[in-house]
Amino acid sequence: MLDTAMKTQLKAYLERLVRPVEITAFVDDGAKSKEMLELLSDITDCSPKVTVAERRDGDAAGARVPSFALSSPGESIALTFAGLPMGHEFTSLVLALLQTGGYPPKLEAEVIEQIKALDGDFVFETYFSQSCQNCPDVVQALNLMAVLNPKIRHVAIDGALFQKEVDARQVMSVPTVYLNGEVFGQGRMGVEEIVAKLDTGAAARDAKRMAEMNRFDVLVVGGGPAGATAAIYAARKGIRTGVAAERFGGQVLDTMAIENFISVPYTEGPKLAAALEQHVREYEVEILNLQKAVKLVPGADIVEVEFANGASLRSKTVILATGARWRQMNVPGEDTYRNKGVAYCPHCDGPLFKGKRVAVIGGGNSGVEAAIDLAGIVAHVTLMEFDSALRADDVLQRKLKSLPNVTILTSAKTTEVLGDGQKVSGLTYENRNTGESVKVELEGIFVQIGLLPNTEWLKGTVELSPRGEIVVDAHGQTSVPGVFAAGDCTTVPYKQIVIALGEGAKASLSAFDHLIRSSAPKEEAVKAA
């Protein structure tokens, strides 16, 4: 199951175990059970502190088969993997072994105490796919919570292996999390976000803490590549710096493969986002995660930012780096069937549509790449482009056209998402050449039509372009003195990570220059007096 290199690496990790790890495997005579036992055998070969006990009474014990539970003698830990945690989830397995074995988690002490203080009966179930880059954050967060708090139980379920269960619950997007049998959340969630949903008093405490903060010299709104870079550049100047982000890492968290980040031939979005946050934390930067800005209030010398929790922060300068999100089709049925057949991440949700018919909306690079990937999983892909021709790179178009189970429709305007009340059953589109309305029967729709800047909250304060982007000059200055902007939310062309990094640095340097220039006359006046 594991090659020599992986075993060597795993053995090095498991040397950090502080206490024994007991694995209980619920298996039968099936092929997947044999694969799982092979994986567990490889793990026990890597550490004498890990043992495995087989059980053949999974059904009677109320356990999924195949699955395995992790625990440690004298500890009350309920942490289970149903299926094979390979692919992106192998890291989740390694972390679960380490944390069950007493290795301390890399988490703020305040958050750890918040998890331990949660009171109630929490039974979490997370459906994942091995190709989903958003799933590990959720699985790892809930696994850690199960290790820290005996009142929390977690089962991570490979949706592709337990297809009947997925169909019965109509899980059409991963990660999907159930709490005590009810849907708790879908999509990427970190520890802090999950805890905030469980701890009802967290928002009020955050608001109180924010209200008591002193004024910043530079306040960055947004925690993606542009925001992180801006914060680092500001902190290095020795000025009081803060970052308030709705989700630290931003859209990078949803990016699969990154192969054009200079000097790094290959990385993945979540890894880069984690590295960005770690780099920011090396400086004296006040990080306020899970904070959504709702209003910008410019002033003569101070700019105020109001947040959804009711708190506000004051700063001499502000850098707006709120990024962008996936653009929606805005047609009837899209909202109704989101995560019920309408999806935006082919890497995450594609495996759930194995053997089914899907459509990809959008003929740019993202859309064509999605169609190519999906064609290897699903029964048939219909790619639909509004324009008269595809806009993707020629090499991608040639690959797409070579696939036998792909239909390409151009001049096709999606008009409605159809469903049976529970899940997607098809869509209608207008042939823009003839005006004819056409119905296509299918089970999934993947939307890949570009980005929309996160700037709605800024209308009426800073100048926005017709597309909603923040208008900036060559220095990153907006129409409001003391307010700068950087990254995908601005009019700067080409939405790329490397460009966002540079723009964040430029906006931060411009903000520092603004601080120096605005304070110079006051200092001279004091000296003259």
Protein backbone atom coordinates (compact mmCIF):
# COMPACT_ATOMS: atom_id res chain seq x y z
CA MET A 1 0.00 0.00 0.00
CA LEU A 2 2.68 2.51 1.04
CA ASP A 3 5.89 2.75 -0.96
CA THR A 4 9.32 2.77 0.67
CA ALA A 5 9.63 6.56 0.65
CA MET A 6 6.26 7.03 2.34
CA LYS A 7 7.06 4.40 4.96
CA THR A 8 10.37 6.09 5.75
CA GLN A 9 8.66 9.43 6.13
CA LEU A 10 5.84 7.97 8.23
CA LYS A 11 8.30 6.18 10.51
CA ALA A 12 10.04 9.50 11.20
CA TYR A 13 6.72 11.13 12.09
CA LEU A 14 5.59 8.29 14.35
CA GLU A 15 8.77 8.54 16.39
CA ARG A 16 7.10 11.61 17.91
CA LEU A 17 4.35 9.51 19.53
CA VAL A 18 4.18 10.10 23.27
CA ARG A 19 1.72 7.33 24.16
CA PRO A 20 0.42 4.12 22.50
CA VAL A 21 -2.15 4.28 19.70
CA GLU A 22 -4.71 1.50 19.48
CA ILE A 23 -6.47 0.96 16.15
CA THR A 24 -9.67 -1.05 15.97
CA ALA A 25 -10.40 -2.18 12.40
CA PHE A 26 -13.92 -3.19 11.37
CA VAL A 27 -13.53 -5.37 8.29
CA ASP A 28 -15.06 -8.14 6.19
CA ASP A 29 -13.69 -10.27 3.36
CA GLY A 30 -14.10 -7.54 0.74
CA ALA A 31 -11.33 -6.06 -1.38
CA LYS A 32 -11.53 -2.66 0.33
CA SER A 33 -11.16 -4.28 3.75
CA LYS A 34 -8.05 -6.04 2.54
CA GLU A 35 -6.64 -2.76 1.24
CA MET A 36 -7.35 -1.10 4.55
CA LEU A 37 -5.69 -3.89 6.53
CA GLU A 38 -2.66 -3.61 4.26
CA LEU A 39 -2.46 0.12 5.02
CA LEU A 40 -2.78 -0.50 8.76
CA SER A 41 -0.12 -3.19 8.60
CA ASP A 42 2.25 -0.71 6.98
CA ILE A 43 1.52 1.74 9.79
CA THR A 44 2.24 -0.76 12.56
CA ASP A 45 5.51 -1.65 10.79
CA CYS A 46 6.54 1.99 11.24
CA SER A 47 6.08 2.17 15.02
CA PRO A 48 5.96 -0.31 17.90
CA LYS A 49 3.59 2.07 19.69
CA VAL A 50 0.81 1.41 17.17
CA THR A 51 -1.26 -1.78 17.40
CA VAL A 52 -4.22 -3.06 15.38
CA ALA A 53 -7.11 -5.25 16.49
CA GLU A 54 -9.46 -6.71 13.86
CA ARG A 55 -13.22 -7.01 14.39
CA ARG A 56 -15.72 -8.71 12.12
CA ASP A 57 -18.83 -7.45 13.88
CA GLY A 58 -19.02 -4.00 12.34
CA ASP A 59 -22.74 -4.17 11.62
CA ALA A 60 -23.57 -5.32 15.14
CA ALA A 61 -21.30 -2.66 16.62
CA GLY A 62 -22.93 0.06 14.52
CA ALA A 63 -19.69 0.68 12.61
CA ARG A 64 -19.25 1.17 8.87
CA VAL A 65 -17.29 -1.55 7.09
CA PRO A 66 -14.49 -1.07 6.31
CA SER A 67 -13.50 1.48 8.91
CA PHE A 68 -11.00 1.91 11.72
CA ALA A 69 -11.08 3.82 15.00
CA LEU A 70 -8.13 5.43 16.79
CA SER A 71 -7.75 5.61 20.56
CA SER A 72 -5.18 5.42 23.33
CA PRO A 73 -5.23 3.55 26.66
CA GLY A 74 -6.79 5.64 29.40
CA GLU A 75 -8.06 8.25 26.94
CA SER A 76 -11.64 8.81 25.78
CA ILE A 77 -11.18 9.43 22.06
CA ALA A 78 -13.80 8.70 19.39
CA LEU A 79 -12.10 9.25 16.03
CA THR A 80 -12.87 7.02 13.05
CA PHE A 81 -11.99 6.80 9.37
CA ALA A 82 -14.58 4.99 7.22
CA GLY A 83 -12.79 3.93 4.06
CA LEU A 84 -9.24 4.62 2.96
CA PRO A 85 -7.83 8.02 3.94
CA MET A 86 -5.44 8.26 1.02
CA GLY A 87 -4.88 11.03 -1.52
CA HIS A 88 -5.30 14.42 0.16
CA GLU A 89 -6.54 12.68 3.33
CA PHE A 90 -3.33 10.79 4.04
CA THR A 91 -2.02 13.86 5.88
CA SER A 92 -5.22 13.79 7.96
CA LEU A 93 -4.44 10.20 8.94
CA VAL A 94 -0.85 11.03 9.94
CA LEU A 95 -1.99 13.99 12.06
CA ALA A 96 -4.72 11.87 13.69
CA LEU A 97 -2.14 9.24 14.65
CA LEU A 98 0.19 11.86 16.10
CA GLN A 99 -2.53 13.70 18.05
CA THR A 100 -4.09 10.48 19.35
CA GLY A 101 -0.57 9.51 20.40
CA GLY A 102 -0.20 12.64 22.52
CA TYR A 103 1.81 14.85 20.15
CA PRO A 104 0.76 18.47 20.88
CA PRO A 105 -1.24 20.22 18.15
CA LYS A 106 -0.08 23.44 16.50
CA LEU A 107 -2.98 25.52 17.70
CA GLU A 108 -3.36 28.67 19.77
CA ALA A 109 -3.74 27.85 23.49
CA GLU A 110 -6.88 29.98 23.64
CA VAL A 111 -8.57 27.90 20.92
CA ILE A 112 -7.55 24.63 22.61
CA GLU A 113 -9.17 25.74 25.85
CA GLN A 114 -12.27 26.84 23.91
CA ILE A 115 -12.57 23.34 22.41
CA LYS A 116 -12.12 21.63 25.77
CA ALA A 117 -14.82 23.83 27.28
CA LEU A 118 -17.49 22.87 24.72
CA ASP A 119 -20.33 21.12 26.53
CA GLY A 120 -22.86 18.81 24.92
CA ASP A 121 -23.05 15.65 22.85
CA PHE A 122 -21.44 16.26 19.46
CA VAL A 123 -21.46 13.47 16.88
CA PHE A 124 -19.87 14.68 13.65
CA GLU A 125 -19.81 12.86 10.31
CA THR A 126 -17.77 14.30 7.43
CA TYR A 127 -18.08 13.10 3.84
CA PHE A 128 -14.91 13.61 1.84
CA SER A 129 -13.33 12.59 -1.45
CA GLN A 130 -9.66 11.69 -1.80
CA SER A 131 -9.20 14.30 -4.56
CA CYS A 132 -10.76 17.15 -2.55
CA GLN A 133 -8.28 19.81 -1.45
CA ASN A 134 -10.91 21.48 0.76
CA CYS A 135 -11.73 18.36 2.77
CA PRO A 136 -8.53 17.86 4.83
CA ASP A 137 -8.98 21.12 6.75
CA VAL A 138 -12.42 20.00 7.94
CA VAL A 139 -11.41 16.42 8.67
CA GLN A 140 -8.28 17.48 10.55
CA ALA A 141 -10.15 20.11 12.55
CA LEU A 142 -12.85 17.70 13.72
CA ASN A 143 -10.34 14.92 14.39
CA LEU A 144 -8.36 17.25 16.63
CA MET A 145 -11.52 18.35 18.44
CA ALA A 146 -12.38 14.68 19.07
CA VAL A 147 -8.92 14.16 20.59
CA LEU A 148 -9.20 17.22 22.84
CA ASN A 149 -12.80 16.83 24.02
CA PRO A 150 -14.33 13.43 24.95
CA LYS A 151 -17.81 14.83 24.25
CA ILE A 152 -16.95 15.16 20.57
CA ARG A 153 -17.02 12.16 18.24
CA HIS A 154 -16.01 12.25 14.59
CA VAL A 155 -16.23 9.88 11.63
CA ALA A 156 -14.54 10.84 8.36
CA ILE A 157 -16.30 9.00 5.49
CA ASP A 158 -14.97 8.39 1.99
CA GLY A 159 -18.05 9.26 -0.05
CA ALA A 160 -16.88 7.32 -3.12
CA LEU A 161 -16.70 4.10 -1.08
CA PHE A 162 -20.02 4.54 0.73
CA GLN A 163 -22.00 5.53 -2.35
CA LYS A 164 -25.35 4.17 -1.13
CA GLU A 165 -25.08 6.26 2.00
CA VAL A 166 -24.14 9.32 -0.06
CA ASP A 167 -27.13 8.77 -2.36
CA ALA A 168 -29.52 8.23 0.56
CA ARG A 169 -28.42 11.48 2.20
CA GLN A 170 -28.17 13.18 -1.20
CA VAL A 171 -24.65 14.38 -0.53
CA MET A 172 -23.59 16.10 -3.75
CA SER A 173 -20.78 18.29 -2.48
CA VAL A 174 -17.77 17.68 -0.27
CA PRO A 175 -16.86 18.28 2.38
CA THR A 176 -20.35 17.91 3.85
CA VAL A 177 -20.53 17.75 7.65
CA TYR A 178 -23.39 16.34 9.71
CA LEU A 179 -23.81 17.05 13.41
CA ASN A 180 -26.12 14.72 15.33
CA GLY A 181 -27.75 13.63 12.08
CA GLU A 182 -28.39 17.13 10.67
CA VAL A 183 -26.37 19.07 8.09
CA PHE A 184 -23.92 21.28 9.97
CA GLY A 185 -21.98 22.80 7.10
CA GLN A 186 -20.54 22.36 3.62
CA GLY A 187 -17.26 23.51 2.15
CA ARG A 188 -13.95 24.35 3.75
CA MET A 189 -14.00 25.10 7.48
CA GLY A 190 -11.12 25.44 9.90
CA VAL A 191 -11.02 24.79 13.63
CA GLU A 192 -11.80 28.38 14.55
CA GLU A 193 -14.82 28.55 12.25
CA ILE A 194 -16.26 25.26 13.54
CA VAL A 195 -15.73 26.25 17.17
CA ALA A 196 -17.32 29.64 16.53
CA LYS A 197 -20.46 27.91 15.24
CA LEU A 198 -20.64 25.74 18.36
CA ASP A 199 -19.64 28.38 20.89
CA THR A 200 -22.52 30.86 20.68
CA GLY A 201 -20.78 33.40 22.88
CA ALA A 202 -17.65 33.61 20.72
CA ALA A 203 -18.86 36.45 18.47
CA ALA A 204 -19.72 38.68 21.44
CA ARG A 205 -16.33 38.04 23.04
CA ASP A 206 -14.55 38.82 19.76
CA ALA A 207 -16.52 42.06 19.39
CA LYS A 208 -15.62 43.13 22.94
CA ARG A 209 -11.93 42.37 22.38
CA MET A 210 -11.89 44.27 19.08
CA ALA A 211 -13.62 47.28 20.64
CA GLU A 212 -10.85 47.53 23.22
CA MET A 213 -8.02 47.53 20.64
CA ASN A 214 -5.88 50.59 20.16
CA ARG A 215 -5.75 52.41 16.85
CA PHE A 216 -3.66 50.80 14.11
CA ASP A 217 -1.17 52.50 11.81
CA VAL A 218 -2.05 50.04 9.03
CA LEU A 219 -5.14 47.85 9.03
CA VAL A 220 -5.32 45.25 6.27
CA VAL A 221 -8.78 43.93 5.38
CA GLY A 222 -8.34 40.53 3.76
CA GLY A 223 -5.98 37.60 4.37
CA GLY A 224 -5.08 36.29 0.93
CA PRO A 225 -1.70 36.69 -0.81
CA ALA A 226 -2.10 40.48 -1.19
CA GLY A 227 -3.28 40.99 2.38
CA ALA A 228 -0.61 38.76 3.92
CA THR A 229 2.14 40.50 1.98
CA ALA A 230 0.82 43.94 2.90
CA ALA A 231 0.80 42.98 6.59
CA ILE A 232 4.37 41.67 6.51
CA TYR A 233 5.71 44.75 4.73
CA ALA A 234 3.93 47.03 7.20
CA ALA A 235 5.09 45.10 10.27
CA ARG A 236 8.67 45.18 9.06
CA LYS A 237 8.49 48.98 9.23
CA GLY A 238 7.86 48.70 12.96
CA ILE A 239 4.38 50.21 12.87
CA ARG A 240 1.23 48.89 14.53
CA THR A 241 -0.32 46.46 12.04
CA GLY A 242 -3.53 44.43 12.00
CA VAL A 243 -5.16 41.97 9.60
CA ALA A 244 -8.89 41.34 9.67
CA ALA A 245 -9.96 38.53 7.34
CA GLU A 246 -13.17 36.67 6.72
CA ARG A 247 -11.05 33.63 5.87
CA PHE A 248 -7.27 33.78 6.17
CA GLY A 249 -5.79 32.46 2.94
CA GLY A 250 -8.67 33.68 0.81
CA GLN A 251 -9.37 32.10 -2.55
CA VAL A 252 -5.95 30.42 -2.54
CA LEU A 253 -7.49 27.88 -0.16
CA ASP A 254 -9.72 26.73 -3.03
CA THR A 255 -6.89 26.41 -5.55
CA MET A 256 -5.73 22.93 -6.45
CA ALA A 257 -2.38 22.89 -8.24
CA ILE A 258 -0.10 25.95 -8.42
CA GLU A 259 2.64 25.47 -10.99
CA ASN A 260 3.52 29.06 -11.93
CA PHE A 261 4.68 30.40 -8.55
CA ILE A 262 8.23 31.36 -9.43
CA SER A 263 10.96 29.29 -7.71
CA VAL A 264 8.36 26.76 -6.51
CA PRO A 265 7.66 24.29 -9.35
CA TYR A 266 4.59 22.85 -7.65
CA THR A 267 2.49 23.52 -4.58
CA GLU A 268 -1.16 23.45 -3.59
CA GLY A 269 -3.38 26.26 -2.40
CA PRO A 270 -3.91 25.14 1.22
CA LYS A 271 -0.15 24.63 1.67
CA LEU A 272 0.61 28.10 0.33
CA ALA A 273 -2.13 29.65 2.49
CA ALA A 274 -0.71 27.97 5.60
CA ALA A 275 2.77 29.23 4.72
CA LEU A 276 1.43 32.76 4.25
CA GLU A 277 -0.23 32.73 7.68
CA GLN A 278 2.85 31.26 9.35
CA HIS A 279 5.00 33.99 7.79
CA VAL A 280 2.65 36.73 9.01
CA ARG A 281 2.68 35.28 12.54
CA GLU A 282 6.45 35.68 12.67
CA TYR A 283 5.87 39.43 13.02
CA GLU A 284 3.95 41.52 15.54
CA VAL A 285 0.70 41.52 13.59
CA GLU A 286 -2.73 41.41 15.23
CA ILE A 287 -4.60 38.70 13.27
CA LEU A 288 -8.39 38.77 13.46
CA ASN A 289 -9.74 35.77 11.56
CA LEU A 290 -13.41 35.07 10.70
CA GLN A 291 -14.19 38.78 10.70
CA LYS A 292 -16.37 40.10 7.88
CA ALA A 293 -16.08 43.80 7.09
CA VAL A 294 -19.42 45.47 6.32
CA LYS A 295 -18.69 49.21 6.15
CA LEU A 296 -15.82 51.61 5.52
CA VAL A 297 -16.08 54.99 7.26
CA PRO A 298 -13.43 57.45 5.98
CA GLY A 299 -12.36 60.33 8.22
CA ALA A 300 -10.00 63.28 8.13
CA ASP A 301 -7.14 61.50 9.94
CA ILE A 302 -8.65 58.14 10.91
CA VAL A 303 -10.41 55.48 8.84
CA GLU A 304 -12.89 53.22 10.59
CA VAL A 305 -13.92 49.72 9.47
CA GLU A 306 -17.12 48.20 10.84
CA PHE A 307 -17.61 44.42 11.08
CA ALA A 308 -20.53 42.03 11.04
CA ASN A 309 -20.18 41.26 14.75
CA GLY A 310 -20.91 44.91 15.58
CA ALA A 311 -17.33 45.87 16.41
CA SER A 312 -15.24 48.44 14.59
CA LEU A 313 -11.51 49.04 14.21
CA ARG A 314 -9.76 52.38 13.70
CA SER A 315 -6.58 52.95 11.74
CA LYS A 316 -4.52 55.77 10.24
CA THR A 317 -4.44 53.87 6.94
CA VAL A 318 -6.39 50.92 5.52
CA ILE A 319 -5.40 48.44 2.82
CA LEU A 320 -8.32 46.70 1.14
CA ALA A 321 -7.38 43.19 -0.04
CA THR A 322 -10.71 41.37 0.05
CA GLY A 323 -10.07 39.33 -3.10
CA ALA A 324 -12.73 37.71 -5.24
CA ARG A 325 -15.04 34.70 -5.29
CA TRP A 326 -16.48 32.39 -7.93
CA ARG A 327 -18.94 34.17 -10.18
CA GLN A 328 -22.42 32.66 -10.25
CA MET A 329 -24.70 32.21 -13.26
CA ASN A 330 -27.54 34.09 -11.53
CA VAL A 331 -30.25 32.02 -13.16
CA PRO A 332 -33.38 30.49 -11.61
CA GLY A 333 -32.60 27.27 -9.72
CA GLU A 334 -28.91 27.94 -9.11
CA ASP A 335 -29.33 28.92 -5.45
CA THR A 336 -31.97 26.26 -4.88
CA TYR A 337 -29.70 23.44 -6.05
CA ARG A 338 -26.33 24.70 -4.81
CA ASN A 339 -24.52 21.69 -3.30
CA LYS A 340 -27.40 19.56 -4.62
CA GLY A 341 -25.91 19.19 -8.07
CA VAL A 342 -24.69 22.74 -8.68
CA ALA A 343 -21.00 22.86 -7.78
CA TYR A 344 -17.98 25.10 -8.24
CA CYS A 345 -15.07 22.76 -7.47
CA PRO A 346 -14.63 19.87 -9.93
CA HIS A 347 -11.65 18.47 -8.01
CA CYS A 348 -13.66 18.25 -4.80
CA ASP A 349 -17.06 17.15 -6.01
CA GLY A 350 -16.25 15.36 -9.27
CA PRO A 351 -15.92 11.87 -7.69
CA LEU A 352 -19.49 12.13 -6.37
CA PHE A 353 -20.75 12.19 -9.97
CA LYS A 354 -19.02 9.01 -11.12
CA GLY A 355 -20.94 7.46 -13.99
CA LYS A 356 -23.36 10.42 -14.22
CA ARG A 357 -23.95 13.21 -16.73
CA VAL A 358 -22.67 16.69 -15.96
CA ALA A 359 -22.30 20.10 -17.58
CA VAL A 360 -19.44 22.55 -17.24
CA ILE A 361 -20.39 26.18 -17.69
CA GLY A 362 -17.53 28.27 -19.09
CA GLY A 363 -15.09 27.85 -21.95
CA GLY A 364 -12.01 29.53 -20.48
CA ASN A 365 -8.99 27.68 -19.12
CA SER A 366 -10.73 26.80 -15.85
CA GLY A 367 -13.82 25.45 -17.58
CA VAL A 368 -11.94 23.38 -20.14
CA GLU A 369 -9.56 21.99 -17.51
CA ALA A 370 -12.57 21.03 -15.39
CA ALA A 371 -14.22 19.30 -18.34
CA ILE A 372 -11.05 17.34 -19.10
CA ASP A 373 -10.73 16.19 -15.48
CA LEU A 374 -14.39 15.27 -15.17
CA ALA A 375 -14.39 13.32 -18.43
CA GLY A 376 -12.23 10.70 -16.73
CA ILE A 377 -14.81 10.20 -13.97
CA VAL A 378 -18.32 10.86 -15.24
CA ALA A 379 -20.34 9.26 -18.04
CA HIS A 380 -20.61 12.40 -20.17
CA VAL A 381 -19.61 16.08 -20.04
CA THR A 382 -21.41 18.89 -21.85
CA LEU A 383 -19.25 22.01 -21.93
CA MET A 384 -21.24 25.20 -22.53
CA GLU A 385 -19.74 28.55 -23.57
CA PHE A 386 -21.71 31.79 -23.91
CA ASP A 387 -19.38 33.16 -26.61
CA SER A 388 -19.13 31.89 -30.17
CA ALA A 389 -15.81 30.14 -29.47
CA LEU A 390 -13.90 28.66 -26.55
CA ARG A 391 -11.43 31.01 -24.86
CA ALA A 392 -9.09 28.41 -23.38
CA ASP A 393 -5.50 27.87 -24.48
CA ASP A 394 -5.19 25.94 -27.72
CA VAL A 395 -3.41 22.99 -26.10
CA LEU A 396 -6.32 22.54 -23.71
CA GLN A 397 -8.89 22.81 -26.50
CA ARG A 398 -7.12 20.09 -28.51
CA LYS A 399 -7.11 17.78 -25.50
CA LEU A 400 -10.79 18.45 -24.81
CA LYS A 401 -11.84 17.78 -28.42
CA SER A 402 -10.00 14.45 -28.38
CA LEU A 403 -12.22 13.06 -25.60
CA PRO A 404 -15.06 10.80 -26.77
CA ASN A 405 -17.50 11.58 -23.94
CA VAL A 406 -17.48 15.37 -24.27
CA THR A 407 -19.95 17.58 -26.14
CA ILE A 408 -19.01 21.23 -26.76
CA LEU A 409 -21.76 23.83 -27.13
CA THR A 410 -20.89 27.43 -28.02
CA SER A 411 -23.22 30.44 -28.20
CA ALA A 412 -25.12 28.76 -25.35
CA LYS A 413 -26.70 30.95 -22.67
CA THR A 414 -27.77 29.00 -19.57
CA THR A 415 -31.27 30.13 -18.58
CA GLU A 416 -32.40 27.81 -15.77
CA VAL A 417 -31.27 24.99 -13.49
CA LEU A 418 -33.88 22.24 -13.29
CA GLY A 419 -34.49 19.81 -10.44
CA ASP A 420 -36.99 17.60 -8.65
CA GLY A 421 -36.94 19.60 -5.43
CA GLN A 422 -34.10 17.52 -3.98
CA LYS A 423 -31.37 17.51 -6.63
CA VAL A 424 -30.48 18.71 -10.12
CA SER A 425 -32.18 16.96 -13.03
CA GLY A 426 -31.06 19.17 -15.90
CA LEU A 427 -30.79 22.68 -17.28
CA THR A 428 -32.14 24.79 -20.11
CA TYR A 429 -30.12 27.04 -22.38
CA GLU A 430 -30.81 29.43 -25.19
CA ASN A 431 -29.08 28.94 -28.52
CA ARG A 432 -27.94 32.51 -29.11
CA ASN A 433 -27.77 31.97 -32.87
CA THR A 434 -31.34 30.72 -33.32
CA GLY A 435 -33.08 31.83 -30.13
CA GLU A 436 -34.21 28.24 -29.55
CA SER A 437 -34.62 27.03 -25.94
CA VAL A 438 -33.02 23.61 -25.35
CA LYS A 439 -33.30 21.27 -22.37
CA VAL A 440 -30.39 19.05 -21.32
CA GLU A 441 -30.93 16.21 -18.86
CA LEU A 442 -28.06 15.71 -16.41
CA GLU A 443 -27.21 15.26 -12.74
CA GLY A 444 -24.49 17.85 -12.10
CA ILE A 445 -23.51 21.38 -13.13
CA PHE A 446 -20.02 22.77 -12.56
CA VAL A 447 -19.84 26.57 -12.85
CA GLN A 448 -16.50 27.97 -14.07
CA ILE A 449 -17.20 31.50 -15.36
CA GLY A 450 -14.62 33.64 -13.62
CA LEU A 451 -14.46 35.78 -10.52
CA LEU A 452 -16.49 38.46 -8.78
CA PRO A 453 -14.68 40.99 -6.52
CA ASN A 454 -15.71 41.08 -2.85
CA THR A 455 -16.47 44.78 -2.84
CA GLU A 456 -20.25 45.15 -2.40
CA TRP A 457 -19.72 46.58 1.09
CA LEU A 458 -17.63 49.43 -0.37
CA LYS A 459 -20.25 50.93 -2.67
CA GLY A 460 -20.58 54.65 -2.05
CA THR A 461 -17.24 55.00 -0.28
CA VAL A 462 -14.42 54.23 -2.74
CA GLU A 463 -14.61 54.45 -6.52
CA LEU A 464 -15.49 51.13 -8.15
CA SER A 465 -15.27 50.11 -11.81
CA PRO A 466 -18.35 48.90 -13.70
CA ARG A 467 -17.22 45.36 -12.79
CA GLY A 468 -17.13 46.25 -9.10
CA GLU A 469 -13.35 46.36 -8.86
CA ILE A 470 -11.67 49.00 -6.67
CA VAL A 471 -10.11 51.67 -8.86
CA VAL A 472 -6.46 52.22 -7.88
CA ASP A 473 -3.58 54.27 -9.25
CA ALA A 474 0.00 53.13 -9.84
CA HIS A 475 0.66 53.29 -6.09
CA GLY A 476 -2.39 51.30 -5.01
CA GLN A 477 -4.14 54.46 -3.80
CA THR A 478 -7.94 54.48 -3.98
CA SER A 479 -10.19 57.52 -4.36
CA VAL A 480 -10.14 57.98 -0.58
CA PRO A 481 -6.97 59.43 1.02
CA GLY A 482 -5.32 56.94 3.36
CA VAL A 483 -7.17 53.98 1.84
CA PHE A 484 -5.21 51.66 -0.45
CA ALA A 485 -6.13 48.42 -2.20
CA ALA A 486 -4.37 45.38 -3.66
CA GLY A 487 -5.04 42.01 -5.26
CA ASP A 488 -7.97 40.52 -7.13
CA CYS A 489 -10.45 43.09 -5.80
CA THR A 490 -8.77 45.91 -7.76
CA THR A 491 -8.64 47.09 -11.37
CA VAL A 492 -5.08 45.78 -11.75
CA PRO A 493 -5.23 43.31 -14.67
CA TYR A 494 -4.37 39.59 -14.57
CA LYS A 495 -5.60 37.92 -11.40
CA GLN A 496 -2.52 35.92 -10.44
CA ILE A 497 -1.00 35.04 -7.08
CA VAL A 498 2.40 36.51 -7.94
CA ILE A 499 0.77 39.76 -9.05
CA ALA A 500 -1.31 39.93 -5.85
CA LEU A 501 1.85 39.49 -3.77
CA GLY A 502 3.57 42.38 -5.52
CA GLU A 503 0.49 44.60 -5.32
CA GLY A 504 0.19 43.90 -1.59
CA ALA A 505 3.81 44.96 -1.06
CA LYS A 506 3.29 48.10 -3.16
CA ALA A 507 0.11 49.12 -1.31
CA SER A 508 1.86 48.63 2.04
CA LEU A 509 4.85 50.73 1.03
CA SER A 510 2.47 53.41 -0.26
CA ALA A 511 0.57 53.38 3.03
CA PHE A 512 3.83 53.81 4.95
CA ASP A 513 4.81 56.68 2.68
CA HIS A 514 1.40 58.25 3.33
CA LEU A 515 1.95 57.97 7.09
CA ILE A 516 5.32 59.69 6.84
CA ARG A 517 4.06 62.50 4.62
CA SER A 518 0.92 63.13 6.65
CA SER A 519 2.83 63.33 9.94
CA ALA A 520 5.75 65.46 8.69
CA PRO A 521 3.97 68.87 8.74
CA LYS A 522 2.74 68.28 12.31
CA GLU A 523 6.24 67.44 13.49
CA GLU A 524 7.67 70.54 11.81
CA ALA A 525 4.96 72.70 13.43
CA VAL A 526 5.83 71.32 16.84
CA LYS A 527 9.53 72.06 16.31
CA ALA A 528 8.73 75.61 15.13
CA ALA A 529 6.63 76.25 18.23
